[in-house]
Amino acid sequence: MLAPDRLSSTFQALADPTRRAILARLSQGEASVTELAAPFSMSMPAISKHLKVLERASLISRGKEAQWRPCKLEAAPLEAASDWVEQYRAMWEARFDRLDAYLKEVQEKEVKPTTRKRNAKGKR
């Protein structure tokens, strides 16, 4: 089996709401495993598994300061994911702009015949 590419690892890690919440917390600054686990009603081994997934995806790093092993957000993989999504956002915006123009055109065609019929009835 082939090793997953970095982008796939990033999206796989982001697929879980607990991991996204951990990343959101780390966006405010470094935190210990205990601090990261506090808002969740799950065991420390479960939190550790989530952290390992984030670490394998290079979304976090773990330091070592005496007994404290702070977790830190690593932004580079998120930036790469954002760049990838951005390509598709631009494409979809262009498609939505074309759809919007088409719908306006269709609405104008529908309004004009109705207006003519009302004016014709009103003149009789």
PDB file of N, CA and C in Angstrom:
ATOM      1  N   MET A   1       0.838  -1.182   0.000  1.00  0.00           N
ATOM      2  CA  MET A   1       0.000   0.000   0.000  1.00  0.00           C
ATOM      3  C   MET A   1       0.887   1.252   0.000  1.00  0.00           C
ATOM      4  N   LEU A   2       0.525   2.247  -0.792  1.00  0.00           N
ATOM      5  CA  LEU A   2       1.298   3.474  -0.884  1.00  0.00           C
ATOM      6  C   LEU A   2       1.068   4.341   0.343  1.00  0.00           C
ATOM      7  N   ALA A   3       2.079   5.047   0.744  1.00  0.00           N
ATOM      8  CA  ALA A   3       1.941   5.998   1.846  1.00  0.00           C
ATOM      9  C   ALA A   3       1.079   7.165   1.367  1.00  0.00           C
ATOM     10  N   PRO A   4       0.188   7.655   2.211  1.00  0.00           N
ATOM     11  CA  PRO A   4      -0.675   8.766   1.782  1.00  0.00           C
ATOM     12  C   PRO A   4       0.147  10.043   1.597  1.00  0.00           C
ATOM     13  N   ASP A   5      -0.265  10.847   0.660  1.00  0.00           N
ATOM     14  CA  ASP A   5       0.424  12.117   0.457  1.00  0.00           C
ATOM     15  C   ASP A   5       0.046  13.077   1.593  1.00  0.00           C
ATOM     16  N   ARG A   6       0.777  14.155   1.700  1.00  0.00           N
ATOM     17  CA  ARG A   6       0.573  15.100   2.813  1.00  0.00           C
ATOM     18  C   ARG A   6      -0.821  15.691   2.815  1.00  0.00           C
ATOM     19  N   LEU A   7      -1.330  16.031   1.647  1.00  0.00           N
ATOM     20  CA  LEU A   7      -2.654  16.641   1.573  1.00  0.00           C
ATOM     21  C   LEU A   7      -3.718  15.658   2.056  1.00  0.00           C
ATOM     22  N   SER A   8      -3.601  14.397   1.651  1.00  0.00           N
ATOM     23  CA  SER A   8      -4.551  13.376   2.108  1.00  0.00           C
ATOM     24  C   SER A   8      -4.471  13.203   3.620  1.00  0.00           C
ATOM     25  N   SER A   9      -3.261  13.203   4.160  1.00  0.00           N
ATOM     26  CA  SER A   9      -3.089  13.083   5.609  1.00  0.00           C
ATOM     27  C   SER A   9      -3.723  14.264   6.336  1.00  0.00           C
ATOM     28  N   THR A  10      -3.564  15.442   5.768  1.00  0.00           N
ATOM     29  CA  THR A  10      -4.156  16.634   6.378  1.00  0.00           C
ATOM     30  C   THR A  10      -5.669  16.531   6.406  1.00  0.00           C
ATOM     31  N   PHE A  11      -6.273  16.194   5.267  1.00  0.00           N
ATOM     32  CA  PHE A  11      -7.730  16.108   5.226  1.00  0.00           C
ATOM     33  C   PHE A  11      -8.256  14.962   6.088  1.00  0.00           C
ATOM     34  N   GLN A  12      -7.523  13.870   6.144  1.00  0.00           N
ATOM     35  CA  GLN A  12      -7.928  12.760   7.013  1.00  0.00           C
ATOM     36  C   GLN A  12      -7.931  13.217   8.468  1.00  0.00           C
ATOM     37  N   ALA A  13      -6.909  13.932   8.872  1.00  0.00           N
ATOM     38  CA  ALA A  13      -6.833  14.426  10.247  1.00  0.00           C
ATOM     39  C   ALA A  13      -7.944  15.436  10.528  1.00  0.00           C
ATOM     40  N   LEU A  14      -8.267  16.260   9.548  1.00  0.00           N
ATOM     41  CA  LEU A  14      -9.308  17.280   9.725  1.00  0.00           C
ATOM     42  C   LEU A  14     -10.724  16.703   9.685  1.00  0.00           C
ATOM     43  N   ALA A  15     -10.851  15.458   9.279  1.00  0.00           N
ATOM     44  CA  ALA A  15     -12.174  14.846   9.129  1.00  0.00           C
ATOM     45  C   ALA A  15     -12.880  14.619  10.463  1.00  0.00           C
ATOM     46  N   ASP A  16     -12.159  14.618  11.550  1.00  0.00           N
ATOM     47  CA  ASP A  16     -12.746  14.342  12.854  1.00  0.00           C
ATOM     48  C   ASP A  16     -12.993  15.639  13.631  1.00  0.00           C
ATOM     49  N   PRO A  17     -14.204  15.823  14.172  1.00  0.00           N
ATOM     50  CA  PRO A  17     -14.506  17.069  14.896  1.00  0.00           C
ATOM     51  C   PRO A  17     -13.662  17.262  16.166  1.00  0.00           C
ATOM     52  N   THR A  18     -13.286  16.185  16.824  1.00  0.00           N
ATOM     53  CA  THR A  18     -12.440  16.315  18.015  1.00  0.00           C
ATOM     54  C   THR A  18     -11.075  16.880  17.628  1.00  0.00           C
ATOM     55  N   ARG A  19     -10.516  16.379  16.541  1.00  0.00           N
ATOM     56  CA  ARG A  19      -9.210  16.880  16.101  1.00  0.00           C
ATOM     57  C   ARG A  19      -9.303  18.332  15.641  1.00  0.00           C
ATOM     58  N   ARG A  20     -10.400  18.684  14.992  1.00  0.00           N
ATOM     59  CA  ARG A  20     -10.571  20.092  14.593  1.00  0.00           C
ATOM     60  C   ARG A  20     -10.675  20.985  15.822  1.00  0.00           C
ATOM     61  N   ALA A  21     -11.364  20.517  16.852  1.00  0.00           N
ATOM     62  CA  ALA A  21     -11.477  21.291  18.092  1.00  0.00           C
ATOM     63  C   ALA A  21     -10.109  21.442  18.764  1.00  0.00           C
ATOM     64  N   ILE A  22      -9.316  20.395  18.736  1.00  0.00           N
ATOM     65  CA  ILE A  22      -7.961  20.469  19.299  1.00  0.00           C
ATOM     66  C   ILE A  22      -7.138  21.502  18.537  1.00  0.00           C
ATOM     67  N   LEU A  23      -7.234  21.487  17.216  1.00  0.00           N
ATOM     68  CA  LEU A  23      -6.495  22.468  16.415  1.00  0.00           C
ATOM     69  C   LEU A  23      -6.977  23.893  16.700  1.00  0.00           C
ATOM     70  N   ALA A  24      -8.283  24.044  16.882  1.00  0.00           N
ATOM     71  CA  ALA A  24      -8.828  25.366  17.199  1.00  0.00           C
ATOM     72  C   ALA A  24      -8.253  25.861  18.525  1.00  0.00           C
ATOM     73  N   ARG A  25      -8.168  24.979  19.497  1.00  0.00           N
ATOM     74  CA  ARG A  25      -7.583  25.357  20.793  1.00  0.00           C
ATOM     75  C   ARG A  25      -6.109  25.723  20.623  1.00  0.00           C
ATOM     76  N   LEU A  26      -5.384  24.939  19.846  1.00  0.00           N
ATOM     77  CA  LEU A  26      -3.956  25.209  19.655  1.00  0.00           C
ATOM     78  C   LEU A  26      -3.705  26.482  18.845  1.00  0.00           C
ATOM     79  N   SER A  27      -4.695  26.943  18.103  1.00  0.00           N
ATOM     80  CA  SER A  27      -4.540  28.200  17.365  1.00  0.00           C
ATOM     81  C   SER A  27      -4.418  29.383  18.329  1.00  0.00           C
ATOM     82  N   GLN A  28      -4.809  29.171  19.587  1.00  0.00           N
ATOM     83  CA  GLN A  28      -4.687  30.213  20.606  1.00  0.00           C
ATOM     84  C   GLN A  28      -3.346  30.156  21.329  1.00  0.00           C
ATOM     85  N   GLY A  29      -2.587  29.096  21.112  1.00  0.00           N
ATOM     86  CA  GLY A  29      -1.280  28.959  21.750  1.00  0.00           C
ATOM     87  C   GLY A  29      -1.020  27.537  22.190  1.00  0.00           C
ATOM     88  N   GLU A  30       0.189  27.284  22.616  1.00  0.00           N
ATOM     89  CA  GLU A  30       0.589  25.946  23.049  1.00  0.00           C
ATOM     90  C   GLU A  30      -0.258  25.485  24.226  1.00  0.00           C
ATOM     91  N   ALA A  31      -0.397  24.152  24.348  1.00  0.00           N
ATOM     92  CA  ALA A  31      -1.171  23.585  25.450  1.00  0.00           C
ATOM     93  C   ALA A  31      -0.657  22.189  25.761  1.00  0.00           C
ATOM     94  N   SER A  32      -0.852  21.783  26.992  1.00  0.00           N
ATOM     95  CA  SER A  32      -0.470  20.427  27.392  1.00  0.00           C
ATOM     96  C   SER A  32      -1.576  19.456  26.976  1.00  0.00           C
ATOM     97  N   VAL A  33      -1.268  18.191  27.008  1.00  0.00           N
ATOM     98  CA  VAL A  33      -2.254  17.166  26.674  1.00  0.00           C
ATOM     99  C   VAL A  33      -3.441  17.257  27.643  1.00  0.00           C
ATOM    100  N   THR A  34      -3.153  17.490  28.905  1.00  0.00           N
ATOM    101  CA  THR A  34      -4.211  17.604  29.908  1.00  0.00           C
ATOM    102  C   THR A  34      -5.129  18.784  29.593  1.00  0.00           C
ATOM    103  N   GLU A  35      -4.547  19.906  29.197  1.00  0.00           N
ATOM    104  CA  GLU A  35      -5.352  21.080  28.830  1.00  0.00           C
ATOM    105  C   GLU A  35      -6.192  20.792  27.593  1.00  0.00           C
ATOM    106  N   LEU A  36      -5.621  20.094  26.645  1.00  0.00           N
ATOM    107  CA  LEU A  36      -6.357  19.780  25.416  1.00  0.00           C
ATOM    108  C   LEU A  36      -7.489  18.797  25.681  1.00  0.00           C
ATOM    109  N   ALA A  37      -7.294  17.903  26.643  1.00  0.00           N
ATOM    110  CA  ALA A  37      -8.295  16.878  26.948  1.00  0.00           C
ATOM    111  C   ALA A  37      -9.462  17.426  27.765  1.00  0.00           C
ATOM    112  N   ALA A  38      -9.244  18.522  28.489  1.00  0.00           N
ATOM    113  CA  ALA A  38     -10.241  19.044  29.429  1.00  0.00           C
ATOM    114  C   ALA A  38     -11.667  19.189  28.870  1.00  0.00           C
ATOM    115  N   PRO A  39     -11.873  19.742  27.684  1.00  0.00           N
ATOM    116  CA  PRO A  39     -13.253  19.935  27.213  1.00  0.00           C
ATOM    117  C   PRO A  39     -13.956  18.662  26.733  1.00  0.00           C
ATOM    118  N   PHE A  40     -13.239  17.561  26.628  1.00  0.00           N
ATOM    119  CA  PHE A  40     -13.802  16.348  26.048  1.00  0.00           C
ATOM    120  C   PHE A  40     -14.109  15.306  27.119  1.00  0.00           C
ATOM    121  N   SER A  41     -15.177  14.584  26.907  1.00  0.00           N
ATOM    122  CA  SER A  41     -15.514  13.494  27.827  1.00  0.00           C
ATOM    123  C   SER A  41     -15.009  12.186  27.225  1.00  0.00           C
ATOM    124  N   MET A  42     -13.681  12.091  27.154  1.00  0.00           N
ATOM    125  CA  MET A  42     -13.054  10.874  26.655  1.00  0.00           C
ATOM    126  C   MET A  42     -11.777  10.632  27.447  1.00  0.00           C
ATOM    127  N   SER A  43     -11.291   9.420  27.350  1.00  0.00           N
ATOM    128  CA  SER A  43     -10.108   9.034  28.122  1.00  0.00           C
ATOM    129  C   SER A  43      -8.851   9.703  27.562  1.00  0.00           C
ATOM    130  N   MET A  44      -7.837   9.759  28.392  1.00  0.00           N
ATOM    131  CA  MET A  44      -6.545  10.299  27.959  1.00  0.00           C
ATOM    132  C   MET A  44      -5.948   9.468  26.817  1.00  0.00           C
ATOM    133  N   PRO A  45      -6.066   8.116  26.848  1.00  0.00           N
ATOM    134  CA  PRO A  45      -5.564   7.362  25.694  1.00  0.00           C
ATOM    135  C   PRO A  45      -6.275   7.728  24.389  1.00  0.00           C
ATOM    136  N   ALA A  46      -7.558   8.037  24.464  1.00  0.00           N
ATOM    137  CA  ALA A  46      -8.290   8.440  23.251  1.00  0.00           C
ATOM    138  C   ALA A  46      -7.781   9.783  22.745  1.00  0.00           C
ATOM    139  N   ILE A  47      -7.553  10.717  23.671  1.00  0.00           N
ATOM    140  CA  ILE A  47      -6.995  12.019  23.278  1.00  0.00           C
ATOM    141  C   ILE A  47      -5.609  11.821  22.671  1.00  0.00           C
ATOM    142  N   SER A  48      -4.821  10.952  23.270  1.00  0.00           N
ATOM    143  CA  SER A  48      -3.477  10.677  22.748  1.00  0.00           C
ATOM    144  C   SER A  48      -3.526  10.133  21.331  1.00  0.00           C
ATOM    145  N   LYS A  49      -4.509   9.296  21.038  1.00  0.00           N
ATOM    146  CA  LYS A  49      -4.651   8.768  19.669  1.00  0.00           C
ATOM    147  C   LYS A  49      -4.950   9.900  18.692  1.00  0.00           C
ATOM    148  N   HIS A  50      -5.824  10.814  19.097  1.00  0.00           N
ATOM    149  CA  HIS A  50      -6.124  11.966  18.238  1.00  0.00           C
ATOM    150  C   HIS A  50      -4.869  12.803  18.012  1.00  0.00           C
ATOM    151  N   LEU A  51      -4.109  13.006  19.063  1.00  0.00           N
ATOM    152  CA  LEU A  51      -2.879  13.792  18.934  1.00  0.00           C
ATOM    153  C   LEU A  51      -1.869  13.111  18.020  1.00  0.00           C
ATOM    154  N   LYS A  52      -1.804  11.800  18.072  1.00  0.00           N
ATOM    155  CA  LYS A  52      -0.883  11.061  17.198  1.00  0.00           C
ATOM    156  C   LYS A  52      -1.273  11.231  15.728  1.00  0.00           C
ATOM    157  N   VAL A  53      -2.583  11.214  15.457  1.00  0.00           N
ATOM    158  CA  VAL A  53      -3.042  11.430  14.079  1.00  0.00           C
ATOM    159  C   VAL A  53      -2.635  12.826  13.617  1.00  0.00           C
ATOM    160  N   LEU A  54      -2.844  13.819  14.469  1.00  0.00           N
ATOM    161  CA  LEU A  54      -2.475  15.193  14.128  1.00  0.00           C
ATOM    162  C   LEU A  54      -0.967  15.331  13.947  1.00  0.00           C
ATOM    163  N   GLU A  55      -0.210  14.637  14.777  1.00  0.00           N
ATOM    164  CA  GLU A  55       1.245  14.684  14.680  1.00  0.00           C
ATOM    165  C   GLU A  55       1.740  14.007  13.401  1.00  0.00           C
ATOM    166  N   ARG A  56       1.151  12.859  13.045  1.00  0.00           N
ATOM    167  CA  ARG A  56       1.549  12.167  11.799  1.00  0.00           C
ATOM    168  C   ARG A  56       1.237  13.022  10.576  1.00  0.00           C
ATOM    169  N   ALA A  57       0.178  13.803  10.664  1.00  0.00           N
ATOM    170  CA  ALA A  57      -0.184  14.693   9.556  1.00  0.00           C
ATOM    171  C   ALA A  57       0.620  15.991   9.594  1.00  0.00           C
ATOM    172  N   SER A  58       1.528  16.117  10.545  1.00  0.00           N
ATOM    173  CA  SER A  58       2.372  17.308  10.731  1.00  0.00           C
ATOM    174  C   SER A  58       1.570  18.558  11.050  1.00  0.00           C
ATOM    175  N   LEU A  59       0.374  18.373  11.607  1.00  0.00           N
ATOM    176  CA  LEU A  59      -0.456  19.511  11.989  1.00  0.00           C
ATOM    177  C   LEU A  59      -0.097  20.037  13.374  1.00  0.00           C
ATOM    178  N   ILE A  60       0.541  19.193  14.181  1.00  0.00           N
ATOM    179  CA  ILE A  60       1.020  19.639  15.478  1.00  0.00           C
ATOM    180  C   ILE A  60       2.432  19.106  15.695  1.00  0.00           C
ATOM    181  N   SER A  61       3.119  19.741  16.604  1.00  0.00           N
ATOM    182  CA  SER A  61       4.415  19.227  17.055  1.00  0.00           C
ATOM    183  C   SER A  61       4.363  19.213  18.573  1.00  0.00           C
ATOM    184  N   ARG A  62       5.188  18.369  19.135  1.00  0.00           N
ATOM    185  CA  ARG A  62       5.235  18.263  20.589  1.00  0.00           C
ATOM    186  C   ARG A  62       6.643  18.607  21.052  1.00  0.00           C
ATOM    187  N   GLY A  63       6.698  19.550  21.957  1.00  0.00           N
ATOM    188  CA  GLY A  63       7.983  19.951  22.518  1.00  0.00           C
ATOM    189  C   GLY A  63       8.274  19.157  23.776  1.00  0.00           C
ATOM    190  N   LYS A  64       9.376  19.494  24.392  1.00  0.00           N
ATOM    191  CA  LYS A  64       9.712  18.836  25.643  1.00  0.00           C
ATOM    192  C   LYS A  64      10.398  19.856  26.539  1.00  0.00           C
ATOM    193  N   GLU A  65       9.692  20.259  27.573  1.00  0.00           N
ATOM    194  CA  GLU A  65      10.222  21.199  28.553  1.00  0.00           C
ATOM    195  C   GLU A  65      10.081  20.540  29.921  1.00  0.00           C
ATOM    196  N   ALA A  66      11.128  19.929  30.391  1.00  0.00           N
ATOM    197  CA  ALA A  66      11.130  19.182  31.669  1.00  0.00           C
ATOM    198  C   ALA A  66      10.036  18.121  31.621  1.00  0.00           C
ATOM    199  N   GLN A  67       9.081  18.194  32.535  1.00  0.00           N
ATOM    200  CA  GLN A  67       7.986  17.220  32.573  1.00  0.00           C
ATOM    201  C   GLN A  67       6.857  17.593  31.621  1.00  0.00           C
ATOM    202  N   TRP A  68       6.864  18.818  31.150  1.00  0.00           N
ATOM    203  CA  TRP A  68       5.771  19.319  30.326  1.00  0.00           C
ATOM    204  C   TRP A  68       6.078  19.090  28.859  1.00  0.00           C
ATOM    205  N   ARG A  69       5.125  18.491  28.121  1.00  0.00           N
ATOM    206  CA  ARG A  69       5.302  18.282  26.675  1.00  0.00           C
ATOM    207  C   ARG A  69       4.234  19.074  25.939  1.00  0.00           C
ATOM    208  N   PRO A  70       4.476  20.356  25.721  1.00  0.00           N
ATOM    209  CA  PRO A  70       3.448  21.181  25.077  1.00  0.00           C
ATOM    210  C   PRO A  70       3.218  20.791  23.616  1.00  0.00           C
ATOM    211  N   CYS A  71       1.964  20.899  23.210  1.00  0.00           N
ATOM    212  CA  CYS A  71       1.600  20.685  21.810  1.00  0.00           C
ATOM    213  C   CYS A  71       1.495  22.050  21.155  1.00  0.00           C
ATOM    214  N   LYS A  72       1.909  22.116  19.921  1.00  0.00           N
ATOM    215  CA  LYS A  72       1.939  23.378  19.184  1.00  0.00           C
ATOM    216  C   LYS A  72       1.355  23.157  17.795  1.00  0.00           C
ATOM    217  N   LEU A  73       0.544  24.087  17.343  1.00  0.00           N
ATOM    218  CA  LEU A  73      -0.028  24.036  15.999  1.00  0.00           C
ATOM    219  C   LEU A  73       1.057  24.306  14.963  1.00  0.00           C
ATOM    220  N   GLU A  74       1.060  23.516  13.904  1.00  0.00           N
ATOM    221  CA  GLU A  74       1.953  23.724  12.768  1.00  0.00           C
ATOM    222  C   GLU A  74       1.087  24.103  11.566  1.00  0.00           C
ATOM    223  N   ALA A  75       1.248  25.309  11.077  1.00  0.00           N
ATOM    224  CA  ALA A  75       0.330  25.857  10.086  1.00  0.00           C
ATOM    225  C   ALA A  75       0.586  25.425   8.641  1.00  0.00           C
ATOM    226  N   ALA A  76       1.777  24.979   8.317  1.00  0.00           N
ATOM    227  CA  ALA A  76       2.126  24.691   6.917  1.00  0.00           C
ATOM    228  C   ALA A  76       1.165  23.712   6.242  1.00  0.00           C
ATOM    229  N   PRO A  77       0.813  22.585   6.866  1.00  0.00           N
ATOM    230  CA  PRO A  77      -0.129  21.681   6.190  1.00  0.00           C
ATOM    231  C   PRO A  77      -1.511  22.310   5.983  1.00  0.00           C
ATOM    232  N   LEU A  78      -1.930  23.145   6.919  1.00  0.00           N
ATOM    233  CA  LEU A  78      -3.223  23.827   6.755  1.00  0.00           C
ATOM    234  C   LEU A  78      -3.162  24.825   5.606  1.00  0.00           C
ATOM    235  N   GLU A  79      -2.038  25.466   5.461  1.00  0.00           N
ATOM    236  CA  GLU A  79      -1.849  26.406   4.354  1.00  0.00           C
ATOM    237  C   GLU A  79      -1.908  25.676   3.013  1.00  0.00           C
ATOM    238  N   ALA A  80      -1.279  24.511   2.947  1.00  0.00           N
ATOM    239  CA  ALA A  80      -1.304  23.719   1.709  1.00  0.00           C
ATOM    240  C   ALA A  80      -2.734  23.276   1.387  1.00  0.00           C
ATOM    241  N   ALA A  81      -3.488  22.872   2.410  1.00  0.00           N
ATOM    242  CA  ALA A  81      -4.886  22.467   2.202  1.00  0.00           C
ATOM    243  C   ALA A  81      -5.712  23.665   1.747  1.00  0.00           C
ATOM    244  N   SER A  82      -5.483  24.805   2.355  1.00  0.00           N
ATOM    245  CA  SER A  82      -6.196  26.026   1.973  1.00  0.00           C
ATOM    246  C   SER A  82      -5.905  26.410   0.523  1.00  0.00           C
ATOM    247  N   ASP A  83      -4.643  26.301   0.115  1.00  0.00           N
ATOM    248  CA  ASP A  83      -4.270  26.613  -1.270  1.00  0.00           C
ATOM    249  C   ASP A  83      -4.978  25.673  -2.241  1.00  0.00           C
ATOM    250  N   TRP A  84      -5.057  24.394  -1.883  1.00  0.00           N
ATOM    251  CA  TRP A  84      -5.716  23.418  -2.749  1.00  0.00           C
ATOM    252  C   TRP A  84      -7.207  23.735  -2.874  1.00  0.00           C
ATOM    253  N   VAL A  85      -7.849  24.038  -1.755  1.00  0.00           N
ATOM    254  CA  VAL A  85      -9.276  24.364  -1.766  1.00  0.00           C
ATOM    255  C   VAL A  85      -9.515  25.662  -2.538  1.00  0.00           C
ATOM    256  N   GLU A  86      -8.611  26.613  -2.404  1.00  0.00           N
ATOM    257  CA  GLU A  86      -8.743  27.907  -3.069  1.00  0.00           C
ATOM    258  C   GLU A  86      -8.850  27.768  -4.590  1.00  0.00           C
ATOM    259  N   GLN A  87      -8.119  26.815  -5.160  1.00  0.00           N
ATOM    260  CA  GLN A  87      -8.204  26.588  -6.606  1.00  0.00           C
ATOM    261  C   GLN A  87      -9.642  26.269  -7.015  1.00  0.00           C
ATOM    262  N   TYR A  88     -10.285  25.453  -6.228  1.00  0.00           N
ATOM    263  CA  TYR A  88     -11.652  25.030  -6.537  1.00  0.00           C
ATOM    264  C   TYR A  88     -12.666  26.111  -6.198  1.00  0.00           C
ATOM    265  N   ARG A  89     -12.379  26.921  -5.191  1.00  0.00           N
ATOM    266  CA  ARG A  89     -13.279  28.022  -4.847  1.00  0.00           C
ATOM    267  C   ARG A  89     -13.385  28.985  -6.025  1.00  0.00           C
ATOM    268  N   ALA A  90     -12.274  29.328  -6.615  1.00  0.00           N
ATOM    269  CA  ALA A  90     -12.265  30.244  -7.757  1.00  0.00           C
ATOM    270  C   ALA A  90     -13.074  29.664  -8.919  1.00  0.00           C
ATOM    271  N   MET A  91     -12.909  28.359  -9.159  1.00  0.00           N
ATOM    272  CA  MET A  91     -13.654  27.712 -10.233  1.00  0.00           C
ATOM    273  C   MET A  91     -15.162  27.759  -9.946  1.00  0.00           C
ATOM    274  N   TRP A  92     -15.546  27.430  -8.707  1.00  0.00           N
ATOM    275  CA  TRP A  92     -16.972  27.416  -8.368  1.00  0.00           C
ATOM    276  C   TRP A  92     -17.563  28.816  -8.379  1.00  0.00           C
ATOM    277  N   GLU A  93     -16.811  29.816  -7.975  1.00  0.00           N
ATOM    278  CA  GLU A  93     -17.312  31.190  -8.043  1.00  0.00           C
ATOM    279  C   GLU A  93     -17.605  31.578  -9.484  1.00  0.00           C
ATOM    280  N   ALA A  94     -16.716  31.212 -10.394  1.00  0.00           N
ATOM    281  CA  ALA A  94     -16.935  31.520 -11.809  1.00  0.00           C
ATOM    282  C   ALA A  94     -18.188  30.807 -12.316  1.00  0.00           C
ATOM    283  N   ARG A  95     -18.381  29.565 -11.905  1.00  0.00           N
ATOM    284  CA  ARG A  95     -19.574  28.823 -12.320  1.00  0.00           C
ATOM    285  C   ARG A  95     -20.838  29.442 -11.742  1.00  0.00           C
ATOM    286  N   PHE A  96     -20.786  29.855 -10.479  1.00  0.00           N
ATOM    287  CA  PHE A  96     -21.955  30.483  -9.859  1.00  0.00           C
ATOM    288  C   PHE A  96     -22.266  31.821 -10.528  1.00  0.00           C
ATOM    289  N   ASP A  97     -21.231  32.569 -10.920  1.00  0.00           N
ATOM    290  CA  ASP A  97     -21.453  33.833 -11.629  1.00  0.00           C
ATOM    291  C   ASP A  97     -22.166  33.585 -12.956  1.00  0.00           C
ATOM    292  N   ARG A  98     -21.738  32.532 -13.689  1.00  0.00           N
ATOM    293  CA  ARG A  98     -22.400  32.200 -14.959  1.00  0.00           C
ATOM    294  C   ARG A  98     -23.840  31.751 -14.720  1.00  0.00           C
ATOM    295  N   LEU A  99     -24.062  30.960 -13.675  1.00  0.00           N
ATOM    296  CA  LEU A  99     -25.409  30.512 -13.342  1.00  0.00           C
ATOM    297  C   LEU A  99     -26.285  31.693 -12.967  1.00  0.00           C
ATOM    298  N   ASP A 100     -25.757  32.623 -12.201  1.00  0.00           N
ATOM    299  CA  ASP A 100     -26.503  33.815 -11.797  1.00  0.00           C
ATOM    300  C   ASP A 100     -26.913  34.633 -13.024  1.00  0.00           C
ATOM    301  N   ALA A 101     -25.974  34.820 -13.952  1.00  0.00           N
ATOM    302  CA  ALA A 101     -26.283  35.573 -15.179  1.00  0.00           C
ATOM    303  C   ALA A 101     -27.370  34.862 -15.980  1.00  0.00           C
ATOM    304  N   TYR A 102     -27.280  33.545 -16.076  1.00  0.00           N
ATOM    305  CA  TYR A 102     -28.280  32.771 -16.810  1.00  0.00           C
ATOM    306  C   TYR A 102     -29.655  32.882 -16.151  1.00  0.00           C
ATOM    307  N   LEU A 103     -29.713  32.778 -14.845  1.00  0.00           N
ATOM    308  CA  LEU A 103     -30.998  32.873 -14.140  1.00  0.00           C
ATOM    309  C   LEU A 103     -31.625  34.257 -14.293  1.00  0.00           C
ATOM    310  N   LYS A 104     -30.803  35.294 -14.271  1.00  0.00           N
ATOM    311  CA  LYS A 104     -31.323  36.651 -14.493  1.00  0.00           C
ATOM    312  C   LYS A 104     -31.910  36.776 -15.894  1.00  0.00           C
ATOM    313  N   GLU A 105     -31.214  36.185 -16.868  1.00  0.00           N
ATOM    314  CA  GLU A 105     -31.682  36.209 -18.257  1.00  0.00           C
ATOM    315  C   GLU A 105     -33.024  35.488 -18.383  1.00  0.00           C
ATOM    316  N   VAL A 106     -33.149  34.328 -17.756  1.00  0.00           N
ATOM    317  CA  VAL A 106     -34.389  33.557 -17.800  1.00  0.00           C
ATOM    318  C   VAL A 106     -35.522  34.325 -17.112  1.00  0.00           C
ATOM    319  N   GLN A 107     -35.240  34.944 -15.983  1.00  0.00           N
ATOM    320  CA  GLN A 107     -36.258  35.711 -15.266  1.00  0.00           C
ATOM    321  C   GLN A 107     -36.736  36.901 -16.093  1.00  0.00           C
ATOM    322  N   GLU A 108     -35.823  37.576 -16.766  1.00  0.00           N
ATOM    323  CA  GLU A 108     -36.202  38.708 -17.608  1.00  0.00           C
ATOM    324  C   GLU A 108     -37.118  38.259 -18.740  1.00  0.00           C
ATOM    325  N   LYS A 109     -36.841  37.111 -19.338  1.00  0.00           N
ATOM    326  CA  LYS A 109     -37.676  36.589 -20.421  1.00  0.00           C
ATOM    327  C   LYS A 109     -39.056  36.221 -19.912  1.00  0.00           C
ATOM    328  N   GLU A 110     -39.146  35.698 -18.682  1.00  0.00           N
ATOM    329  CA  GLU A 110     -40.442  35.318 -18.108  1.00  0.00           C
ATOM    330  C   GLU A 110     -41.255  36.540 -17.721  1.00  0.00           C
ATOM    331  N   VAL A 111     -40.641  37.608 -17.251  1.00  0.00           N
ATOM    332  CA  VAL A 111     -41.344  38.808 -16.799  1.00  0.00           C
ATOM    333  C   VAL A 111     -41.897  39.595 -17.977  1.00  0.00           C
ATOM    334  N   LYS A 112     -41.151  39.691 -19.060  1.00  0.00           N
ATOM    335  CA  LYS A 112     -41.570  40.505 -20.204  1.00  0.00           C
ATOM    336  C   LYS A 112     -42.879  40.020 -20.828  1.00  0.00           C
ATOM    337  N   PRO A 113     -43.076  38.748 -21.152  1.00  0.00           N
ATOM    338  CA  PRO A 113     -44.347  38.319 -21.730  1.00  0.00           C
ATOM    339  C   PRO A 113     -45.520  38.536 -20.766  1.00  0.00           C
ATOM    340  N   THR A 114     -45.343  38.355 -19.500  1.00  0.00           N
ATOM    341  CA  THR A 114     -46.410  38.558 -18.521  1.00  0.00           C
ATOM    342  C   THR A 114     -46.817  40.019 -18.501  1.00  0.00           C
ATOM    343  N   THR A 115     -45.855  40.913 -18.553  1.00  0.00           N
ATOM    344  CA  THR A 115     -46.122  42.346 -18.547  1.00  0.00           C
ATOM    345  C   THR A 115     -46.898  42.731 -19.795  1.00  0.00           C
ATOM    346  N   ARG A 116     -46.557  42.209 -20.945  1.00  0.00           N
ATOM    347  CA  ARG A 116     -47.252  42.518 -22.195  1.00  0.00           C
ATOM    348  C   ARG A 116     -48.708  42.059 -22.135  1.00  0.00           C
ATOM    349  N   LYS A 117     -48.956  40.871 -21.603  1.00  0.00           N
ATOM    350  CA  LYS A 117     -50.321  40.356 -21.520  1.00  0.00           C
ATOM    351  C   LYS A 117     -51.164  41.237 -20.611  1.00  0.00           C
ATOM    352  N   ARG A 118     -50.620  41.679 -19.499  1.00  0.00           N
ATOM    353  CA  ARG A 118     -51.366  42.538 -18.572  1.00  0.00           C
ATOM    354  C   ARG A 118     -51.675  43.867 -19.233  1.00  0.00           C
ATOM    355  N   ASN A 119     -50.680  44.429 -19.936  1.00  0.00           N
ATOM    356  CA  ASN A 119     -50.917  45.715 -20.622  1.00  0.00           C
ATOM    357  C   ASN A 119     -51.954  45.547 -21.717  1.00  0.00           C
ATOM    358  N   ALA A 120     -51.920  44.457 -22.430  1.00  0.00           N
ATOM    359  CA  ALA A 120     -52.875  44.230 -23.505  1.00  0.00           C
ATOM    360  C   ALA A 120     -54.281  44.081 -22.919  1.00  0.00           C
ATOM    361  N   LYS A 121     -54.447  43.413 -21.818  1.00  0.00           N
ATOM    362  CA  LYS A 121     -55.749  43.235 -21.186  1.00  0.00           C
ATOM    363  C   LYS A 121     -56.251  44.553 -20.636  1.00  0.00           C
ATOM    364  N   GLY A 122     -55.374  45.332 -20.076  1.00  0.00           N
ATOM    365  CA  GLY A 122     -55.753  46.615 -19.477  1.00  0.00           C
ATOM    366  C   GLY A 122     -56.209  47.604 -20.531  1.00  0.00           C
ATOM    367  N   LYS A 123     -55.735  47.527 -21.755  1.00  0.00           N
ATOM    368  CA  LYS A 123     -56.074  48.487 -22.827  1.00  0.00           C
ATOM    369  C   LYS A 123     -57.401  48.156 -23.463  1.00  0.00           C
ATOM    370  N   ARG A 124     -57.833  46.913 -23.342  1.00  0.00           N
ATOM    371  CA  ARG A 124     -59.090  46.538 -24.019  1.00  0.00           C
ATOM    372  C   ARG A 124     -60.290  47.113 -23.381  1.00  0.00           C
TER     373      ARG A 124
END
